[in-house]
Amino acid sequence: MVSRTDEEELAVIKDWWQRNGKPLLTGGVLALVVVFGWQGWQKYQSNQAQGASQIYQQLLETALNPAGEPDAAKVAELAGKLNNEYAGSHYAQYGSLFVAKVAVEAGKLDDAAAALQGVLDKPADATLGELARQRLARVLAAQDKAEEALALLAGEADTAFLASREELRGDLLVQLGRTDEAHAAYQKAKAALAEDAAVGGLQMKLDDLAKGDA
């Protein structure tokens, strides 16, 4: 066996490094970038959620006047901060729902509709989208826009929301004087409820329609 000199060993190592070392180093660096980049992104997301959560908590707890009622100016300030700094997040949209609630209580239905429409245009998830849809429909009904509200509820609803949507459709149809359709909607809502669900209020609506037909 021919032994290699130190110079030959060094040449072999250099040759190997040229062919394999750099790609391996590049791959290792990329792996580290991916790992630490993902960890950084996770930390950023966590910080974002924490920051949004704190503002939302302030919105719920401190946006009250001395009488214990919502302070409209404070609500608007905190909700605006949520939307500016955490636009599209769940907390920002929860804030918009709260803004709409306060606006309804203050009789400012146009402001409530605008806040709800903002959520409905680009909901953070299906649940928020459906909440905004049904609440907006109620606001429209209060503005004597029952036809618009009814159109908003057209199409299929997720099973989890079917009962509440059909009951709301029934309410709108009653408002429009379309009692036969309202009865069908209430029946559909009742059928969509779980067997152990309370149906008292819904049954009363069905009974009232039956009395009206008598």
C-alpha atoms as a PDB file:
ATOM      1  CA  MET A   1       0.000   0.000   0.000  1.00  0.00           C
ATOM      2  CA  VAL A   2       1.333   3.384  -0.961  1.00  0.00           C
ATOM      3  CA  SER A   3       1.058   5.867   1.904  1.00  0.00           C
ATOM      4  CA  ARG A   4       0.063   9.433   1.156  1.00  0.00           C
ATOM      5  CA  THR A   5       2.311  12.294   2.063  1.00  0.00           C
ATOM      6  CA  ASP A   6       0.995  15.155   4.159  1.00  0.00           C
ATOM      7  CA  GLU A   7       0.800  17.247   1.002  1.00  0.00           C
ATOM      8  CA  GLU A   8      -1.286  14.606  -0.753  1.00  0.00           C
ATOM      9  CA  GLU A   9      -3.658  14.314   2.221  1.00  0.00           C
ATOM     10  CA  LEU A  10      -4.076  18.072   2.232  1.00  0.00           C
ATOM     11  CA  ALA A  11      -4.779  18.080  -1.492  1.00  0.00           C
ATOM     12  CA  VAL A  12      -7.429  15.371  -1.059  1.00  0.00           C
ATOM     13  CA  ILE A  13      -9.091  17.330   1.748  1.00  0.00           C
ATOM     14  CA  LYS A  14      -9.070  20.534  -0.304  1.00  0.00           C
ATOM     15  CA  ASP A  15     -10.548  18.713  -3.283  1.00  0.00           C
ATOM     16  CA  TRP A  16     -13.300  17.187  -1.107  1.00  0.00           C
ATOM     17  CA  TRP A  17     -14.069  20.583   0.391  1.00  0.00           C
ATOM     18  CA  GLN A  18     -14.361  22.172  -3.025  1.00  0.00           C
ATOM     19  CA  ARG A  19     -16.793  19.500  -4.152  1.00  0.00           C
ATOM     20  CA  ASN A  20     -18.794  18.927  -0.958  1.00  0.00           C
ATOM     21  CA  GLY A  21     -17.885  21.318   1.811  1.00  0.00           C
ATOM     22  CA  LYS A  22     -19.430  24.474   0.439  1.00  0.00           C
ATOM     23  CA  PRO A  23     -22.767  22.867  -0.504  1.00  0.00           C
ATOM     24  CA  LEU A  24     -22.934  21.231   2.932  1.00  0.00           C
ATOM     25  CA  LEU A  25     -22.115  24.525   4.648  1.00  0.00           C
ATOM     26  CA  THR A  26     -24.690  26.338   2.549  1.00  0.00           C
ATOM     27  CA  GLY A  27     -27.284  23.711   3.380  1.00  0.00           C
ATOM     28  CA  GLY A  28     -26.419  23.924   7.069  1.00  0.00           C
ATOM     29  CA  VAL A  29     -26.721  27.700   7.051  1.00  0.00           C
ATOM     30  CA  LEU A  30     -30.046  27.484   5.273  1.00  0.00           C
ATOM     31  CA  ALA A  31     -31.268  24.952   7.816  1.00  0.00           C
ATOM     32  CA  LEU A  32     -30.278  27.277  10.636  1.00  0.00           C
ATOM     33  CA  VAL A  33     -32.000  30.191   8.897  1.00  0.00           C
ATOM     34  CA  VAL A  34     -35.175  28.129   8.542  1.00  0.00           C
ATOM     35  CA  VAL A  35     -35.104  27.000  12.182  1.00  0.00           C
ATOM     36  CA  PHE A  36     -34.351  30.395  13.674  1.00  0.00           C
ATOM     37  CA  GLY A  37     -36.552  32.155  11.148  1.00  0.00           C
ATOM     38  CA  TRP A  38     -39.504  29.964  12.128  1.00  0.00           C
ATOM     39  CA  GLN A  39     -38.804  30.489  15.801  1.00  0.00           C
ATOM     40  CA  GLY A  40     -38.637  34.238  15.198  1.00  0.00           C
ATOM     41  CA  TRP A  41     -41.907  34.158  13.300  1.00  0.00           C
ATOM     42  CA  GLN A  42     -43.552  32.174  16.085  1.00  0.00           C
ATOM     43  CA  LYS A  43     -42.289  34.680  18.644  1.00  0.00           C
ATOM     44  CA  TYR A  44     -43.531  37.567  16.508  1.00  0.00           C
ATOM     45  CA  GLN A  45     -46.949  35.968  16.190  1.00  0.00           C
ATOM     46  CA  SER A  46     -47.069  35.373  19.923  1.00  0.00           C
ATOM     47  CA  ASN A  47     -46.122  38.973  20.637  1.00  0.00           C
ATOM     48  CA  GLN A  48     -48.732  40.207  18.173  1.00  0.00           C
ATOM     49  CA  ALA A  49     -51.445  38.097  19.778  1.00  0.00           C
ATOM     50  CA  GLN A  50     -50.421  39.237  23.247  1.00  0.00           C
ATOM     51  CA  GLY A  51     -50.436  42.902  22.246  1.00  0.00           C
ATOM     52  CA  ALA A  52     -53.828  42.623  20.566  1.00  0.00           C
ATOM     53  CA  SER A  53     -55.231  40.698  23.518  1.00  0.00           C
ATOM     54  CA  GLN A  54     -54.159  43.429  25.948  1.00  0.00           C
ATOM     55  CA  ILE A  55     -55.834  46.175  23.918  1.00  0.00           C
ATOM     56  CA  TYR A  56     -58.993  44.101  23.549  1.00  0.00           C
ATOM     57  CA  GLN A  57     -59.035  43.512  27.291  1.00  0.00           C
ATOM     58  CA  GLN A  58     -58.777  47.267  27.811  1.00  0.00           C
ATOM     59  CA  LEU A  59     -61.645  47.696  25.395  1.00  0.00           C
ATOM     60  CA  LEU A  60     -63.835  45.409  27.483  1.00  0.00           C
ATOM     61  CA  GLU A  61     -62.744  46.567  30.932  1.00  0.00           C
ATOM     62  CA  THR A  62     -61.844  50.243  30.746  1.00  0.00           C
ATOM     63  CA  ALA A  63     -64.091  51.588  27.987  1.00  0.00           C
ATOM     64  CA  LEU A  64     -66.733  52.479  30.556  1.00  0.00           C
ATOM     65  CA  ASN A  65     -67.829  55.846  31.863  1.00  0.00           C
ATOM     66  CA  PRO A  66     -68.411  56.522  35.590  1.00  0.00           C
ATOM     67  CA  ALA A  67     -71.992  55.306  35.229  1.00  0.00           C
ATOM     68  CA  GLY A  68     -70.730  51.905  34.104  1.00  0.00           C
ATOM     69  CA  GLU A  69     -71.892  52.387  30.529  1.00  0.00           C
ATOM     70  CA  PRO A  70     -69.711  52.095  27.433  1.00  0.00           C
ATOM     71  CA  ASP A  71     -67.722  55.246  26.727  1.00  0.00           C
ATOM     72  CA  ALA A  72     -68.241  55.608  22.971  1.00  0.00           C
ATOM     73  CA  ALA A  73     -65.141  57.766  22.497  1.00  0.00           C
ATOM     74  CA  LYS A  74     -62.912  55.324  24.398  1.00  0.00           C
ATOM     75  CA  VAL A  75     -64.395  52.363  22.543  1.00  0.00           C
ATOM     76  CA  ALA A  76     -63.727  54.042  19.209  1.00  0.00           C
ATOM     77  CA  GLU A  77     -60.151  54.902  20.256  1.00  0.00           C
ATOM     78  CA  LEU A  78     -59.236  51.387  21.361  1.00  0.00           C
ATOM     79  CA  ALA A  79     -61.031  49.686  18.465  1.00  0.00           C
ATOM     80  CA  GLY A  80     -59.246  52.029  16.058  1.00  0.00           C
ATOM     81  CA  LYS A  81     -55.918  51.096  17.631  1.00  0.00           C
ATOM     82  CA  LEU A  82     -56.717  47.405  17.222  1.00  0.00           C
ATOM     83  CA  ASN A  83     -57.599  47.863  13.563  1.00  0.00           C
ATOM     84  CA  ASN A  84     -54.557  50.025  12.859  1.00  0.00           C
ATOM     85  CA  GLU A  85     -51.998  47.817  14.575  1.00  0.00           C
ATOM     86  CA  TYR A  86     -53.571  44.360  14.196  1.00  0.00           C
ATOM     87  CA  ALA A  87     -55.791  44.702  11.135  1.00  0.00           C
ATOM     88  CA  GLY A  88     -57.568  41.509  10.154  1.00  0.00           C
ATOM     89  CA  SER A  89     -56.759  39.730  13.408  1.00  0.00           C
ATOM     90  CA  HIS A  90     -59.409  38.006  15.493  1.00  0.00           C
ATOM     91  CA  TYR A  91     -59.029  40.574  18.271  1.00  0.00           C
ATOM     92  CA  ALA A  92     -59.455  43.490  15.854  1.00  0.00           C
ATOM     93  CA  GLN A  93     -62.676  41.945  14.586  1.00  0.00           C
ATOM     94  CA  TYR A  94     -63.924  41.187  18.093  1.00  0.00           C
ATOM     95  CA  GLY A  95     -63.335  44.875  18.703  1.00  0.00           C
ATOM     96  CA  SER A  96     -65.441  45.767  15.672  1.00  0.00           C
ATOM     97  CA  LEU A  97     -68.280  43.587  16.968  1.00  0.00           C
ATOM     98  CA  PHE A  98     -68.058  45.427  20.285  1.00  0.00           C
ATOM     99  CA  VAL A  99     -68.111  48.778  18.476  1.00  0.00           C
ATOM    100  CA  ALA A 100     -71.269  47.667  16.658  1.00  0.00           C
ATOM    101  CA  LYS A 101     -72.900  46.619  19.941  1.00  0.00           C
ATOM    102  CA  VAL A 102     -72.189  49.997  21.538  1.00  0.00           C
ATOM    103  CA  ALA A 103     -73.417  51.796  18.422  1.00  0.00           C
ATOM    104  CA  VAL A 104     -76.698  49.853  18.445  1.00  0.00           C
ATOM    105  CA  GLU A 105     -77.230  50.680  22.115  1.00  0.00           C
ATOM    106  CA  ALA A 106     -76.636  54.350  21.290  1.00  0.00           C
ATOM    107  CA  GLY A 107     -79.091  54.197  18.391  1.00  0.00           C
ATOM    108  CA  LYS A 108     -76.345  54.790  15.814  1.00  0.00           C
ATOM    109  CA  LEU A 109     -77.371  52.071  13.414  1.00  0.00           C
ATOM    110  CA  ASP A 110     -75.355  53.369  10.456  1.00  0.00           C
ATOM    111  CA  ASP A 111     -72.161  53.169  12.541  1.00  0.00           C
ATOM    112  CA  ALA A 112     -73.082  49.662  13.675  1.00  0.00           C
ATOM    113  CA  ALA A 113     -73.727  48.542  10.104  1.00  0.00           C
ATOM    114  CA  ALA A 114     -70.372  49.943   8.951  1.00  0.00           C
ATOM    115  CA  ALA A 115     -68.468  48.114  11.713  1.00  0.00           C
ATOM    116  CA  LEU A 116     -70.214  44.819  10.966  1.00  0.00           C
ATOM    117  CA  GLN A 117     -69.762  45.165   7.214  1.00  0.00           C
ATOM    118  CA  GLY A 118     -66.026  45.617   7.786  1.00  0.00           C
ATOM    119  CA  VAL A 119     -65.881  42.233   9.503  1.00  0.00           C
ATOM    120  CA  LEU A 120     -68.132  40.569   6.952  1.00  0.00           C
ATOM    121  CA  ASP A 121     -66.034  41.800   4.015  1.00  0.00           C
ATOM    122  CA  LYS A 122     -62.985  39.876   5.212  1.00  0.00           C
ATOM    123  CA  PRO A 123     -63.730  37.719   8.276  1.00  0.00           C
ATOM    124  CA  ALA A 124     -60.865  36.207  10.252  1.00  0.00           C
ATOM    125  CA  ASP A 125     -62.783  32.917  10.347  1.00  0.00           C
ATOM    126  CA  ALA A 126     -66.180  31.445   9.474  1.00  0.00           C
ATOM    127  CA  THR A 127     -67.634  31.990  12.945  1.00  0.00           C
ATOM    128  CA  LEU A 128     -66.836  35.704  12.973  1.00  0.00           C
ATOM    129  CA  GLY A 129     -68.199  35.972   9.452  1.00  0.00           C
ATOM    130  CA  GLU A 130     -71.511  34.412  10.426  1.00  0.00           C
ATOM    131  CA  LEU A 131     -71.806  36.490  13.605  1.00  0.00           C
ATOM    132  CA  ALA A 132     -71.233  39.661  11.600  1.00  0.00           C
ATOM    133  CA  ARG A 133     -73.718  38.513   8.933  1.00  0.00           C
ATOM    134  CA  GLN A 134     -76.536  37.790  11.364  1.00  0.00           C
ATOM    135  CA  ARG A 135     -75.954  40.918  13.438  1.00  0.00           C
ATOM    136  CA  LEU A 136     -75.817  43.066  10.322  1.00  0.00           C
ATOM    137  CA  ALA A 137     -79.100  41.525   9.181  1.00  0.00           C
ATOM    138  CA  ARG A 138     -80.700  42.539  12.483  1.00  0.00           C
ATOM    139  CA  VAL A 139     -79.347  46.081  12.155  1.00  0.00           C
ATOM    140  CA  LEU A 140     -80.726  46.319   8.621  1.00  0.00           C
ATOM    141  CA  ALA A 141     -84.098  45.070   9.855  1.00  0.00           C
ATOM    142  CA  ALA A 142     -84.097  47.794  12.504  1.00  0.00           C
ATOM    143  CA  GLN A 143     -83.498  50.284   9.689  1.00  0.00           C
ATOM    144  CA  ASP A 144     -86.597  48.973   7.884  1.00  0.00           C
ATOM    145  CA  LYS A 145     -84.402  47.225   5.329  1.00  0.00           C
ATOM    146  CA  ALA A 146     -85.773  43.731   5.862  1.00  0.00           C
ATOM    147  CA  GLU A 147     -85.455  42.820   2.186  1.00  0.00           C
ATOM    148  CA  GLU A 148     -81.733  43.657   2.231  1.00  0.00           C
ATOM    149  CA  ALA A 149     -81.347  41.710   5.446  1.00  0.00           C
ATOM    150  CA  LEU A 150     -83.089  38.711   3.937  1.00  0.00           C
ATOM    151  CA  ALA A 151     -80.823  38.815   0.888  1.00  0.00           C
ATOM    152  CA  LEU A 152     -77.826  38.828   3.227  1.00  0.00           C
ATOM    153  CA  LEU A 153     -78.986  35.490   4.643  1.00  0.00           C
ATOM    154  CA  ALA A 154     -79.482  33.803   1.272  1.00  0.00           C
ATOM    155  CA  GLY A 155     -77.505  30.657   0.575  1.00  0.00           C
ATOM    156  CA  GLU A 156     -76.563  27.718   2.737  1.00  0.00           C
ATOM    157  CA  ALA A 157     -75.365  28.165   6.292  1.00  0.00           C
ATOM    158  CA  ASP A 158     -72.978  25.926   8.164  1.00  0.00           C
ATOM    159  CA  THR A 159     -74.807  23.339  10.266  1.00  0.00           C
ATOM    160  CA  ALA A 160     -73.649  25.022  13.478  1.00  0.00           C
ATOM    161  CA  PHE A 161     -75.389  28.251  12.482  1.00  0.00           C
ATOM    162  CA  LEU A 162     -78.393  26.871  10.623  1.00  0.00           C
ATOM    163  CA  ALA A 163     -80.882  27.164  13.501  1.00  0.00           C
ATOM    164  CA  SER A 164     -80.034  30.769  14.377  1.00  0.00           C
ATOM    165  CA  ARG A 165     -79.971  31.839  10.730  1.00  0.00           C
ATOM    166  CA  GLU A 166     -83.322  30.224   9.918  1.00  0.00           C
ATOM    167  CA  GLU A 167     -84.932  31.719  13.027  1.00  0.00           C
ATOM    168  CA  LEU A 168     -83.633  35.125  11.969  1.00  0.00           C
ATOM    169  CA  ARG A 169     -84.974  34.560   8.458  1.00  0.00           C
ATOM    170  CA  GLY A 170     -88.342  33.761  10.035  1.00  0.00           C
ATOM    171  CA  ASP A 171     -88.262  37.027  11.981  1.00  0.00           C
ATOM    172  CA  LEU A 172     -87.509  38.987   8.814  1.00  0.00           C
ATOM    173  CA  LEU A 173     -90.260  37.220   6.874  1.00  0.00           C
ATOM    174  CA  VAL A 174     -92.754  38.031   9.641  1.00  0.00           C
ATOM    175  CA  GLN A 175     -91.670  41.666   9.407  1.00  0.00           C
ATOM    176  CA  LEU A 176     -92.390  41.503   5.672  1.00  0.00           C
ATOM    177  CA  GLY A 177     -95.789  39.874   6.241  1.00  0.00           C
ATOM    178  CA  ARG A 178     -94.786  36.608   4.540  1.00  0.00           C
ATOM    179  CA  THR A 179     -96.118  34.374   7.291  1.00  0.00           C
ATOM    180  CA  ASP A 180     -96.194  31.074   5.403  1.00  0.00           C
ATOM    181  CA  GLU A 181     -92.504  31.395   4.550  1.00  0.00           C
ATOM    182  CA  ALA A 182     -91.782  32.516   8.111  1.00  0.00           C
ATOM    183  CA  HIS A 183     -93.489  29.401   9.484  1.00  0.00           C
ATOM    184  CA  ALA A 184     -91.373  27.197   7.212  1.00  0.00           C
ATOM    185  CA  ALA A 185     -88.189  28.981   8.328  1.00  0.00           C
ATOM    186  CA  TYR A 186     -89.078  28.556  12.013  1.00  0.00           C
ATOM    187  CA  GLN A 187     -89.780  24.877  11.459  1.00  0.00           C
ATOM    188  CA  LYS A 188     -86.433  24.478   9.728  1.00  0.00           C
ATOM    189  CA  ALA A 189     -84.739  26.242  12.643  1.00  0.00           C
ATOM    190  CA  LYS A 190     -86.467  23.964  15.149  1.00  0.00           C
ATOM    191  CA  ALA A 191     -85.457  20.857  13.212  1.00  0.00           C
ATOM    192  CA  ALA A 192     -81.828  22.008  13.181  1.00  0.00           C
ATOM    193  CA  LEU A 193     -81.653  22.290  16.970  1.00  0.00           C
ATOM    194  CA  ALA A 194     -80.265  19.520  19.117  1.00  0.00           C
ATOM    195  CA  GLU A 195     -82.843  17.367  20.883  1.00  0.00           C
ATOM    196  CA  ASP A 196     -81.954  18.811  24.290  1.00  0.00           C
ATOM    197  CA  ALA A 197     -81.898  22.432  23.095  1.00  0.00           C
ATOM    198  CA  ALA A 198     -84.338  24.951  24.558  1.00  0.00           C
ATOM    199  CA  VAL A 199     -87.001  25.764  21.964  1.00  0.00           C
ATOM    200  CA  GLY A 200     -89.305  27.880  24.111  1.00  0.00           C
ATOM    201  CA  GLY A 201     -88.840  31.180  22.300  1.00  0.00           C
ATOM    202  CA  LEU A 202     -88.911  29.564  18.887  1.00  0.00           C
ATOM    203  CA  GLN A 203     -92.030  27.559  19.755  1.00  0.00           C
ATOM    204  CA  MET A 204     -93.754  30.748  20.885  1.00  0.00           C
ATOM    205  CA  LYS A 205     -93.085  32.284  17.462  1.00  0.00           C
ATOM    206  CA  LEU A 206     -94.581  29.227  15.777  1.00  0.00           C
ATOM    207  CA  ASP A 207     -97.599  29.368  18.090  1.00  0.00           C
ATOM    208  CA  ASP A 208     -98.104  33.049  17.387  1.00  0.00           C
ATOM    209  CA  LEU A 209     -98.154  32.372  13.659  1.00  0.00           C
ATOM    210  CA  ALA A 210    -100.650  29.554  14.194  1.00  0.00           C
ATOM    211  CA  LYS A 211    -102.933  31.915  16.156  1.00  0.00           C
ATOM    212  CA  GLY A 212    -102.699  34.447  13.379  1.00  0.00           C
ATOM    213  CA  ASP A 213    -103.845  31.853  10.856  1.00  0.00           C
ATOM    214  CA  ALA A 214    -106.764  30.751  13.035  1.00  0.00           C
END
